C-alpha atoms as a PDB file:
ATOM      1  CA  MET A   1      11.816  13.544  -5.648  1.00  0.00           C
ATOM      2  CA  THR A   2       8.401  13.685  -3.968  1.00  0.00           C
ATOM      3  CA  PHE A   3       6.167  10.676  -3.332  1.00  0.00           C
ATOM      4  CA  THR A   4       3.779  11.704  -6.100  1.00  0.00           C
ATOM      5  CA  GLU A   5       6.579  12.276  -8.599  1.00  0.00           C
ATOM      6  CA  LYS A   6       8.189   8.943  -7.765  1.00  0.00           C
ATOM      7  CA  LEU A   7       4.895   7.099  -8.046  1.00  0.00           C
ATOM      8  CA  ASN A   8       4.048   8.671 -11.395  1.00  0.00           C
ATOM      9  CA  GLN A   9       7.510   7.817 -12.673  1.00  0.00           C
ATOM     10  CA  ALA A  10       7.127   4.199 -11.506  1.00  0.00           C
ATOM     11  CA  TRP A  11       3.736   3.839 -13.167  1.00  0.00           C
ATOM     12  CA  SER A  12       5.179   5.057 -16.454  1.00  0.00           C
ATOM     13  CA  ALA A  13       8.609   3.419 -16.434  1.00  0.00           C
ATOM     14  CA  LYS A  14       7.472   0.053 -15.059  1.00  0.00           C
ATOM     15  CA  ASN A  15       4.133  -0.016 -16.920  1.00  0.00           C
ATOM     16  CA  SER A  16       2.713  -1.450 -13.720  1.00  0.00           C
ATOM     17  CA  MET A  17       0.035  -0.675 -11.139  1.00  0.00           C
ATOM     18  CA  LEU A  18       1.045  -3.665  -8.983  1.00  0.00           C
ATOM     19  CA  THR A  19       2.099  -3.147  -5.373  1.00  0.00           C
ATOM     20  CA  VAL A  20       3.678  -6.125  -3.621  1.00  0.00           C
ATOM     21  CA  GLY A  21       2.740  -6.325   0.048  1.00  0.00           C
ATOM     22  CA  LEU A  22       5.278  -7.859   2.431  1.00  0.00           C
ATOM     23  CA  ASP A  23       3.460  -9.686   5.240  1.00  0.00           C
ATOM     24  CA  PRO A  24       6.141 -12.188   6.309  1.00  0.00           C
ATOM     25  CA  ASP A  25       4.847 -15.151   8.344  1.00  0.00           C
ATOM     26  CA  PRO A  26       7.792 -17.369   9.403  1.00  0.00           C
ATOM     27  CA  GLN A  27       5.500 -20.385   9.760  1.00  0.00           C
ATOM     28  CA  ARG A  28       4.886 -20.240   6.012  1.00  0.00           C
ATOM     29  CA  PHE A  29       8.510 -19.790   4.964  1.00  0.00           C
ATOM     30  CA  PRO A  30      10.165 -22.425   2.723  1.00  0.00           C
ATOM     31  CA  ALA A  31      12.204 -25.138   4.418  1.00  0.00           C
ATOM     32  CA  GLU A  32      15.526 -23.480   3.567  1.00  0.00           C
ATOM     33  CA  LEU A  33      14.623 -20.521   5.816  1.00  0.00           C
ATOM     34  CA  GLN A  34      12.925 -22.279   8.711  1.00  0.00           C
ATOM     35  CA  ASP A  35      14.497 -21.341  12.066  1.00  0.00           C
ATOM     36  CA  LYS A  36      17.342 -19.474  10.375  1.00  0.00           C
ATOM     37  CA  PRO A  37      18.689 -16.187  11.806  1.00  0.00           C
ATOM     38  CA  GLY A  38      17.589 -13.246   9.687  1.00  0.00           C
ATOM     39  CA  ALA A  39      14.998 -15.365   7.891  1.00  0.00           C
ATOM     40  CA  ILE A  40      12.470 -12.537   7.632  1.00  0.00           C
ATOM     41  CA  TYR A  41      14.954 -10.276   5.887  1.00  0.00           C
ATOM     42  CA  ALA A  42      16.153 -13.094   3.616  1.00  0.00           C
ATOM     43  CA  PHE A  43      12.604 -14.055   2.628  1.00  0.00           C
ATOM     44  CA  CYS A  44      11.458 -10.491   1.964  1.00  0.00           C
ATOM     45  CA  ARG A  45      14.625  -9.642   0.062  1.00  0.00           C
ATOM     46  CA  GLY A  46      14.074 -12.714  -2.106  1.00  0.00           C
ATOM     47  CA  ILE A  47      10.499 -11.623  -2.803  1.00  0.00           C
ATOM     48  CA  VAL A  48      11.594  -8.085  -3.652  1.00  0.00           C
ATOM     49  CA  ASP A  49      14.264  -9.350  -6.049  1.00  0.00           C
ATOM     50  CA  ALA A  50      11.759 -11.719  -7.653  1.00  0.00           C
ATOM     51  CA  THR A  51       8.999  -9.151  -8.143  1.00  0.00           C
ATOM     52  CA  ALA A  52      10.739  -5.785  -8.610  1.00  0.00           C
ATOM     53  CA  PRO A  53      10.562  -5.857 -12.439  1.00  0.00           C
ATOM     54  CA  TYR A  54       6.757  -6.120 -12.291  1.00  0.00           C
ATOM     55  CA  ALA A  55       5.832  -3.718  -9.475  1.00  0.00           C
ATOM     56  CA  CYS A  56       5.459   0.021  -9.004  1.00  0.00           C
ATOM     57  CA  ALA A  57       5.657  -0.198  -5.211  1.00  0.00           C
ATOM     58  CA  ILE A  58       6.633  -2.411  -2.286  1.00  0.00           C
ATOM     59  CA  LYS A  59       4.560  -2.269   0.922  1.00  0.00           C
ATOM     60  CA  PRO A  60       5.982  -3.859   4.085  1.00  0.00           C
ATOM     61  CA  GLN A  61       3.395  -4.274   6.856  1.00  0.00           C
ATOM     62  CA  ILE A  62       5.144  -3.201  10.049  1.00  0.00           C
ATOM     63  CA  ALA A  63       3.156  -5.455  12.404  1.00  0.00           C
ATOM     64  CA  TYR A  64       4.576  -8.613  10.832  1.00  0.00           C
ATOM     65  CA  PHE A  65       8.075  -7.396  11.644  1.00  0.00           C
ATOM     66  CA  SER A  66       7.362  -5.953  15.073  1.00  0.00           C
ATOM     67  CA  ALA A  67       5.576  -9.087  16.306  1.00  0.00           C
ATOM     68  CA  GLU A  68       8.728 -11.089  15.534  1.00  0.00           C
ATOM     69  CA  ARG A  69      11.044  -8.468  17.110  1.00  0.00           C
ATOM     70  CA  ALA A  70      12.416  -7.929  13.614  1.00  0.00           C
ATOM     71  CA  GLU A  71      12.361  -4.145  13.278  1.00  0.00           C
ATOM     72  CA  ASP A  72      16.101  -4.229  12.604  1.00  0.00           C
ATOM     73  CA  GLN A  73      15.442  -6.575   9.681  1.00  0.00           C
ATOM     74  CA  LEU A  74      12.778  -4.154   8.418  1.00  0.00           C
ATOM     75  CA  GLU A  75      15.306  -1.315   8.586  1.00  0.00           C
ATOM     76  CA  ASP A  76      17.798  -3.380   6.611  1.00  0.00           C
ATOM     77  CA  LEU A  77      15.115  -4.340   4.102  1.00  0.00           C
ATOM     78  CA  CYS A  78      14.007  -0.738   3.557  1.00  0.00           C
ATOM     79  CA  ARG A  79      17.626   0.286   3.044  1.00  0.00           C
ATOM     80  CA  TYR A  80      18.100  -2.561   0.548  1.00  0.00           C
ATOM     81  CA  ILE A  81      15.009  -1.532  -1.425  1.00  0.00           C
ATOM     82  CA  ARG A  82      16.068   2.121  -1.540  1.00  0.00           C
ATOM     83  CA  ASP A  83      19.628   1.298  -2.590  1.00  0.00           C
ATOM     84  CA  THR A  84      18.922  -1.515  -5.045  1.00  0.00           C
ATOM     85  CA  TYR A  85      15.570  -0.488  -6.506  1.00  0.00           C
ATOM     86  CA  PRO A  86      15.369   3.318  -6.198  1.00  0.00           C
ATOM     87  CA  ASP A  87      12.610   3.330  -8.819  1.00  0.00           C
ATOM     88  CA  LEU A  88      10.251   1.408  -6.524  1.00  0.00           C
ATOM     89  CA  THR A  89       7.935   3.392  -4.260  1.00  0.00           C
ATOM     90  CA  LEU A  90       8.394   2.261  -0.648  1.00  0.00           C
ATOM     91  CA  ILE A  91       5.185   2.334   1.404  1.00  0.00           C
ATOM     92  CA  LEU A  92       5.231   1.597   5.130  1.00  0.00           C
ATOM     93  CA  ASP A  93       1.887   0.023   5.991  1.00  0.00           C
ATOM     94  CA  ALA A  94       1.426   1.145   9.600  1.00  0.00           C
ATOM     95  CA  LYS A  95      -2.148   2.529   9.763  1.00  0.00           C
ATOM     96  CA  ARG A  96      -1.125   4.952  12.500  1.00  0.00           C
ATOM     97  CA  GLY A  97      -3.668   7.209  14.174  1.00  0.00           C
ATOM     98  CA  ASP A  98      -2.988   9.114  17.381  1.00  0.00           C
ATOM     99  CA  ILE A  99      -2.811  12.623  18.839  1.00  0.00           C
ATOM    100  CA  GLY A 100      -0.429  15.184  17.386  1.00  0.00           C
ATOM    101  CA  SER A 101       2.568  14.771  19.693  1.00  0.00           C
ATOM    102  CA  THR A 102       2.513  11.003  19.316  1.00  0.00           C
ATOM    103  CA  ALA A 103       1.864  11.288  15.584  1.00  0.00           C
ATOM    104  CA  GLU A 104       5.036  13.365  15.298  1.00  0.00           C
ATOM    105  CA  GLN A 105       7.013  10.383  16.614  1.00  0.00           C
ATOM    106  CA  TYR A 106       5.227   7.947  14.305  1.00  0.00           C
ATOM    107  CA  ALA A 107       6.030  10.252  11.380  1.00  0.00           C
ATOM    108  CA  ARG A 108       9.708  10.262  12.372  1.00  0.00           C
ATOM    109  CA  GLU A 109       9.610   6.475  12.604  1.00  0.00           C
ATOM    110  CA  ALA A 110       8.213   6.137   9.090  1.00  0.00           C
ATOM    111  CA  PHE A 111      10.214   8.855   7.358  1.00  0.00           C
ATOM    112  CA  GLU A 112      13.483   8.969   9.326  1.00  0.00           C
ATOM    113  CA  ARG A 113      13.991   5.469  10.705  1.00  0.00           C
ATOM    114  CA  TYR A 114      12.613   3.530   7.733  1.00  0.00           C
ATOM    115  CA  GLU A 115      12.914   6.334   5.140  1.00  0.00           C
ATOM    116  CA  ALA A 116       9.672   5.274   3.518  1.00  0.00           C
ATOM    117  CA  ASP A 117       8.239   7.249   0.620  1.00  0.00           C
ATOM    118  CA  ALA A 118       4.754   7.014   2.143  1.00  0.00           C
ATOM    119  CA  VAL A 119       2.902   5.727   5.186  1.00  0.00           C
ATOM    120  CA  THR A 120      -0.688   4.599   5.787  1.00  0.00           C
ATOM    121  CA  VAL A 121      -2.650   6.461   8.493  1.00  0.00           C
ATOM    122  CA  SER A 122      -6.102   6.436  10.062  1.00  0.00           C
ATOM    123  CA  PRO A 123      -8.286   9.578   9.816  1.00  0.00           C
ATOM    124  CA  PHE A 124     -10.462   8.731  12.831  1.00  0.00           C
ATOM    125  CA  MET A 125      -8.922  11.350  15.153  1.00  0.00           C
ATOM    126  CA  GLY A 126      -9.065  14.138  12.602  1.00  0.00           C
ATOM    127  CA  LEU A 127      -6.674  16.626  11.048  1.00  0.00           C
ATOM    128  CA  ASP A 128      -4.420  17.264  14.049  1.00  0.00           C
ATOM    129  CA  SER A 129      -3.560  13.550  14.157  1.00  0.00           C
ATOM    130  CA  VAL A 130      -2.596  13.572  10.460  1.00  0.00           C
ATOM    131  CA  GLU A 131      -0.935  16.989  10.245  1.00  0.00           C
ATOM    132  CA  PRO A 132       2.484  15.810  11.530  1.00  0.00           C
ATOM    133  CA  TYR A 133       2.734  13.494   8.509  1.00  0.00           C
ATOM    134  CA  LEU A 134       1.582  16.235   6.132  1.00  0.00           C
ATOM    135  CA  SER A 135       4.427  18.476   7.316  1.00  0.00           C
ATOM    136  CA  TRP A 136       6.811  16.101   5.492  1.00  0.00           C
ATOM    137  CA  GLN A 137       5.808  17.650   2.186  1.00  0.00           C
ATOM    138  CA  ASP A 138       7.829  15.311  -0.041  1.00  0.00           C
ATOM    139  CA  LYS A 139       6.350  12.207   1.593  1.00  0.00           C
ATOM    140  CA  GLY A 140       3.076  10.416   0.879  1.00  0.00           C
ATOM    141  CA  VAL A 141       0.220  10.205   3.380  1.00  0.00           C
ATOM    142  CA  ILE A 142      -2.167   7.386   2.480  1.00  0.00           C
ATOM    143  CA  VAL A 143      -5.419   7.702   4.420  1.00  0.00           C
ATOM    144  CA  LEU A 144      -7.773   4.826   5.207  1.00  0.00           C
ATOM    145  CA  CYS A 145     -11.108   5.429   3.464  1.00  0.00           C
ATOM    146  CA  ARG A 146     -13.060   2.300   2.460  1.00  0.00           C
ATOM    147  CA  THR A 147     -11.186  -0.743   3.714  1.00  0.00           C
ATOM    148  CA  SER A 148     -11.372  -4.234   2.232  1.00  0.00           C
ATOM    149  CA  ASN A 149     -12.446  -6.043   5.422  1.00  0.00           C
ATOM    150  CA  ALA A 150     -16.116  -6.884   5.950  1.00  0.00           C
ATOM    151  CA  GLY A 151     -16.201  -5.151   9.342  1.00  0.00           C
ATOM    152  CA  GLY A 152     -15.246  -1.847   7.759  1.00  0.00           C
ATOM    153  CA  SER A 153     -18.937  -1.302   7.029  1.00  0.00           C
ATOM    154  CA  ASP A 154     -19.634  -1.021  10.776  1.00  0.00           C
ATOM    155  CA  LEU A 155     -18.375   2.580  10.674  1.00  0.00           C
ATOM    156  CA  GLN A 156     -17.579   3.467   7.077  1.00  0.00           C
ATOM    157  CA  PHE A 157     -21.216   3.188   5.949  1.00  0.00           C
ATOM    158  CA  LEU A 158     -22.583   5.428   8.698  1.00  0.00           C
ATOM    159  CA  HIS A 159     -24.070   8.615   7.270  1.00  0.00           C
ATOM    160  CA  THR A 160     -23.265  12.205   8.096  1.00  0.00           C
ATOM    161  CA  SER A 161     -25.993  14.779   8.708  1.00  0.00           C
ATOM    162  CA  ASP A 162     -26.314  15.476   4.986  1.00  0.00           C
ATOM    163  CA  GLY A 163     -26.678  11.768   4.157  1.00  0.00           C
ATOM    164  CA  THR A 164     -23.120  11.216   2.886  1.00  0.00           C
ATOM    165  CA  PRO A 165     -21.577   7.839   3.816  1.00  0.00           C
ATOM    166  CA  LEU A 166     -18.651   8.336   6.192  1.00  0.00           C
ATOM    167  CA  TYR A 167     -16.130   6.855   3.741  1.00  0.00           C
ATOM    168  CA  LEU A 168     -17.134   9.413   1.092  1.00  0.00           C
ATOM    169  CA  HIS A 169     -16.974  12.180   3.691  1.00  0.00           C
ATOM    170  CA  VAL A 170     -13.394  11.094   4.450  1.00  0.00           C
ATOM    171  CA  ALA A 171     -12.585  11.044   0.726  1.00  0.00           C
ATOM    172  CA  GLY A 172     -13.887  14.577   0.291  1.00  0.00           C
ATOM    173  CA  LEU A 173     -12.160  15.834   3.434  1.00  0.00           C
ATOM    174  CA  VAL A 174      -8.785  14.524   2.254  1.00  0.00           C
ATOM    175  CA  ALA A 175      -9.235  15.741  -1.325  1.00  0.00           C
ATOM    176  CA  ASP A 176     -10.536  19.201  -0.461  1.00  0.00           C
ATOM    177  CA  ARG A 177      -8.682  20.118   2.746  1.00  0.00           C
ATOM    178  CA  TRP A 178      -5.845  17.781   3.667  1.00  0.00           C
ATOM    179  CA  ASN A 179      -4.191  17.366   0.268  1.00  0.00           C
ATOM    180  CA  ARG A 180      -2.844  20.900   0.155  1.00  0.00           C
ATOM    181  CA  ASN A 181       0.655  19.708  -0.829  1.00  0.00           C
ATOM    182  CA  GLY A 182      -0.610  17.145  -3.356  1.00  0.00           C
ATOM    183  CA  GLN A 183       0.863  14.314  -1.251  1.00  0.00           C
ATOM    184  CA  CYS A 184      -2.227  12.364  -0.189  1.00  0.00           C
ATOM    185  CA  ALA A 185      -3.711   9.097  -1.369  1.00  0.00           C
ATOM    186  CA  LEU A 186      -6.605   6.957  -0.146  1.00  0.00           C
ATOM    187  CA  VAL A 187      -6.996   3.292   0.767  1.00  0.00           C
ATOM    188  CA  VAL A 188     -10.054   1.743  -0.898  1.00  0.00           C
ATOM    189  CA  GLY A 189     -10.495  -2.037  -0.951  1.00  0.00           C
ATOM    190  CA  ALA A 190     -10.841  -4.070  -4.133  1.00  0.00           C
ATOM    191  CA  THR A 191     -13.653  -6.068  -2.546  1.00  0.00           C
ATOM    192  CA  PHE A 192     -15.954  -3.048  -3.022  1.00  0.00           C
ATOM    193  CA  PRO A 193     -15.645  -1.869  -6.660  1.00  0.00           C
ATOM    194  CA  GLU A 194     -18.807   0.247  -6.497  1.00  0.00           C
ATOM    195  CA  GLU A 195     -17.347   2.195  -3.590  1.00  0.00           C
ATOM    196  CA  ILE A 196     -14.061   2.554  -5.507  1.00  0.00           C
ATOM    197  CA  ARG A 197     -16.023   4.148  -8.357  1.00  0.00           C
ATOM    198  CA  LYS A 198     -17.756   6.590  -6.018  1.00  0.00           C
ATOM    199  CA  VAL A 199     -14.490   7.561  -4.360  1.00  0.00           C
ATOM    200  CA  ARG A 200     -12.799   8.088  -7.738  1.00  0.00           C
ATOM    201  CA  GLU A 201     -15.645  10.329  -8.860  1.00  0.00           C
ATOM    202  CA  ARG A 202     -15.331  12.346  -5.660  1.00  0.00           C
ATOM    203  CA  ILE A 203     -11.547  12.855  -5.565  1.00  0.00           C
ATOM    204  CA  GLY A 204     -10.497  13.183  -9.207  1.00  0.00           C
ATOM    205  CA  ASP A 205      -7.004  11.911  -9.969  1.00  0.00           C
ATOM    206  CA  MET A 206      -5.673  11.462  -6.423  1.00  0.00           C
ATOM    207  CA  PRO A 207      -3.850   8.088  -6.130  1.00  0.00           C
ATOM    208  CA  LEU A 208      -5.599   5.074  -4.639  1.00  0.00           C
ATOM    209  CA  LEU A 209      -3.972   2.224  -2.722  1.00  0.00           C
ATOM    210  CA  ILE A 210      -6.222  -0.746  -3.412  1.00  0.00           C
ATOM    211  CA  PRO A 211      -5.743  -3.899  -1.324  1.00  0.00           C
ATOM    212  CA  GLY A 212      -7.896  -6.984  -1.616  1.00  0.00           C
ATOM    213  CA  ILE A 213      -7.040  -8.759  -4.875  1.00  0.00           C
ATOM    214  CA  GLY A 214      -5.419 -12.186  -4.794  1.00  0.00           C
ATOM    215  CA  ALA A 215      -6.083 -14.059  -1.553  1.00  0.00           C
ATOM    216  CA  GLN A 216      -8.909 -11.700  -0.564  1.00  0.00           C
ATOM    217  CA  GLY A 217     -10.752 -12.323  -3.802  1.00  0.00           C
ATOM    218  CA  GLY A 218     -11.065  -8.843  -5.297  1.00  0.00           C
ATOM    219  CA  ASP A 219     -11.898  -8.812  -9.014  1.00  0.00           C
ATOM    220  CA  ILE A 220      -9.126  -7.215 -11.072  1.00  0.00           C
ATOM    221  CA  PRO A 221     -11.160  -6.005 -14.096  1.00  0.00           C
ATOM    222  CA  ALA A 222     -13.874  -4.520 -11.862  1.00  0.00           C
ATOM    223  CA  THR A 223     -11.241  -2.876  -9.667  1.00  0.00           C
ATOM    224  CA  VAL A 224      -9.388  -1.338 -12.595  1.00  0.00           C
ATOM    225  CA  GLN A 225     -12.495  -0.073 -14.348  1.00  0.00           C
ATOM    226  CA  ALA A 226     -13.713   1.573 -11.147  1.00  0.00           C
ATOM    227  CA  GLY A 227     -10.405   2.919  -9.878  1.00  0.00           C
ATOM    228  CA  ARG A 228      -8.359   4.200 -12.807  1.00  0.00           C
ATOM    229  CA  ASP A 229      -7.882   7.928 -13.114  1.00  0.00           C
ATOM    230  CA  SER A 230      -8.349  10.150 -16.169  1.00  0.00           C
ATOM    231  CA  LYS A 231      -5.009   8.901 -17.569  1.00  0.00           C
ATOM    232  CA  GLY A 232      -5.811   5.228 -17.057  1.00  0.00           C
ATOM    233  CA  ALA A 233      -3.472   4.957 -14.067  1.00  0.00           C
ATOM    234  CA  GLY A 234      -3.784   6.303 -10.522  1.00  0.00           C
ATOM    235  CA  MET A 235      -3.734   2.972  -8.659  1.00  0.00           C
ATOM    236  CA  MET A 236      -1.437   0.980  -6.416  1.00  0.00           C
ATOM    237  CA  ILE A 237      -3.160  -2.404  -6.549  1.00  0.00           C
ATOM    238  CA  ASN A 238      -1.782  -4.526  -3.740  1.00  0.00           C
ATOM    239  CA  SER A 239      -1.290  -8.280  -3.639  1.00  0.00           C
ATOM    240  CA  SER A 240       0.449  -9.886  -0.675  1.00  0.00           C
ATOM    241  CA  ARG A 241      -0.174 -13.533   0.234  1.00  0.00           C
ATOM    242  CA  ALA A 242      -0.956 -14.701  -3.303  1.00  0.00           C
ATOM    243  CA  ILE A 243       2.542 -13.626  -4.349  1.00  0.00           C
ATOM    244  CA  LEU A 244       4.502 -14.288  -1.139  1.00  0.00           C
ATOM    245  CA  TYR A 245       3.253 -17.832  -0.759  1.00  0.00           C
ATOM    246  CA  ALA A 246       2.696 -18.797  -4.378  1.00  0.00           C
ATOM    247  CA  SER A 247       4.876 -21.797  -3.515  1.00  0.00           C
ATOM    248  CA  GLY A 248       6.192 -23.188  -0.263  1.00  0.00           C
ATOM    249  CA  GLY A 249       8.856 -25.246  -2.013  1.00  0.00           C
ATOM    250  CA  ASP A 250      12.329 -24.602  -3.321  1.00  0.00           C
ATOM    251  CA  ASP A 251      10.854 -22.692  -6.266  1.00  0.00           C
ATOM    252  CA  TRP A 252       9.301 -19.973  -4.061  1.00  0.00           C
ATOM    253  CA  ARG A 253      11.236 -17.180  -5.765  1.00  0.00           C
ATOM    254  CA  ASP A 254      10.302 -18.321  -9.269  1.00  0.00           C
ATOM    255  CA  ALA A 255       6.691 -18.818  -8.206  1.00  0.00           C
ATOM    256  CA  ALA A 256       6.573 -15.276  -6.808  1.00  0.00           C
ATOM    257  CA  THR A 257       8.006 -13.975 -10.083  1.00  0.00           C
ATOM    258  CA  ARG A 258       5.360 -15.810 -12.114  1.00  0.00           C
ATOM    259  CA  MET A 259       2.513 -14.612  -9.903  1.00  0.00           C
ATOM    260  CA  ALA A 260       3.704 -11.005  -9.892  1.00  0.00           C
ATOM    261  CA  CYS A 261       4.099 -11.019 -13.659  1.00  0.00           C
ATOM    262  CA  ALA A 262       0.671 -12.601 -14.161  1.00  0.00           C
ATOM    263  CA  THR A 263      -0.964 -10.098 -11.806  1.00  0.00           C
ATOM    264  CA  ARG A 264       0.745  -7.143 -13.492  1.00  0.00           C
ATOM    265  CA  ASP A 265      -0.379  -8.437 -16.868  1.00  0.00           C
ATOM    266  CA  ALA A 266      -3.962  -8.981 -15.678  1.00  0.00           C
ATOM    267  CA  ILE A 267      -4.104  -5.402 -14.397  1.00  0.00           C
ATOM    268  CA  ASN A 268      -2.734  -4.057 -17.680  1.00  0.00           C
ATOM    269  CA  ALA A 269      -5.178  -6.148 -19.690  1.00  0.00           C
ATOM    270  CA  ALA A 270      -8.032  -4.624 -17.709  1.00  0.00           C
ATOM    271  CA  ARG A 271      -6.600  -1.151 -18.291  1.00  0.00           C
ATOM    272  CA  ALA A 272      -6.533  -1.783 -22.040  1.00  0.00           C
END
C-alpha cells in the first residue's frame, strides 16, 4: 500500500485528521519513568496506545531520539507502531535536506531503517536533493513550504522575479513537477491560515501536514476551513506537546487520550 493510499484509508476509517507528534523530553516524563532504562520508548508507546483510536498518523521527531542516543528505541517504537497499528500512517519528522548522494543515505535511513511511510524534507537545495526520496515511489515525501515558526518569514516571504512569494513558488514546484508519482505532501503551519488557503488553492487536493495547533496556538476552525481539500479532508493536523504532556501525573495516559479525542472532535466539528 502506498503512502497516499494508506493516508486516505486512515482518514476514512478513523474519521480523523489528527496527527500525534512524538517529541519526547525526558525531563517532562511522569515520575514512574524518570531515570528508567528505555523510558523514551515506554513513554512514546504509552502515548501511541492512548491516542491511536483518534489519530490518522503518528509523527516521531527524530532529533528528540537522537539527542538522547535513543535511535534504537525509535527503531523499536516504529516497529511497534507498524505491527500493532498498521492502519496508522507513520511519518518520520526529519526535515532532511542535502546533496543527492547524502540524501540517498537519509532516504535509506527513513524507509529502510525506520520503515516510515513518509519523511519530511527541505526543498532549499532543489530537486536533486529530493529526488532520492521520490525514487521510493510507495513512500511519502512531505516538503517544507510555509512553516509555523515566526522566523520562517525571513525566507518564505521573499518574492521571486514574477512577484510570487517563495512559499507559493515551492508549493507550485512540488505540485507541478515533483509530485509525478502522486506521493508528495506539503508542510504548512496552522499559525498562518491565510497562507494555508493560498497553498490549497495552488496545489489542489495534495495532502497537507499542518503543525502548530495546541501548544503553538493555531486556531482549529480557521485551519480546517483554509486547509481542507475538495472532499473535506486532505489534512494531517499535528498536535504534539498539548497531547504528550496533558498531565505530568499518574494519569498521563488517560489525559493524553482525553486530549487526543477532544482535538479529533474539534477538527471534525470544524469540518462539519
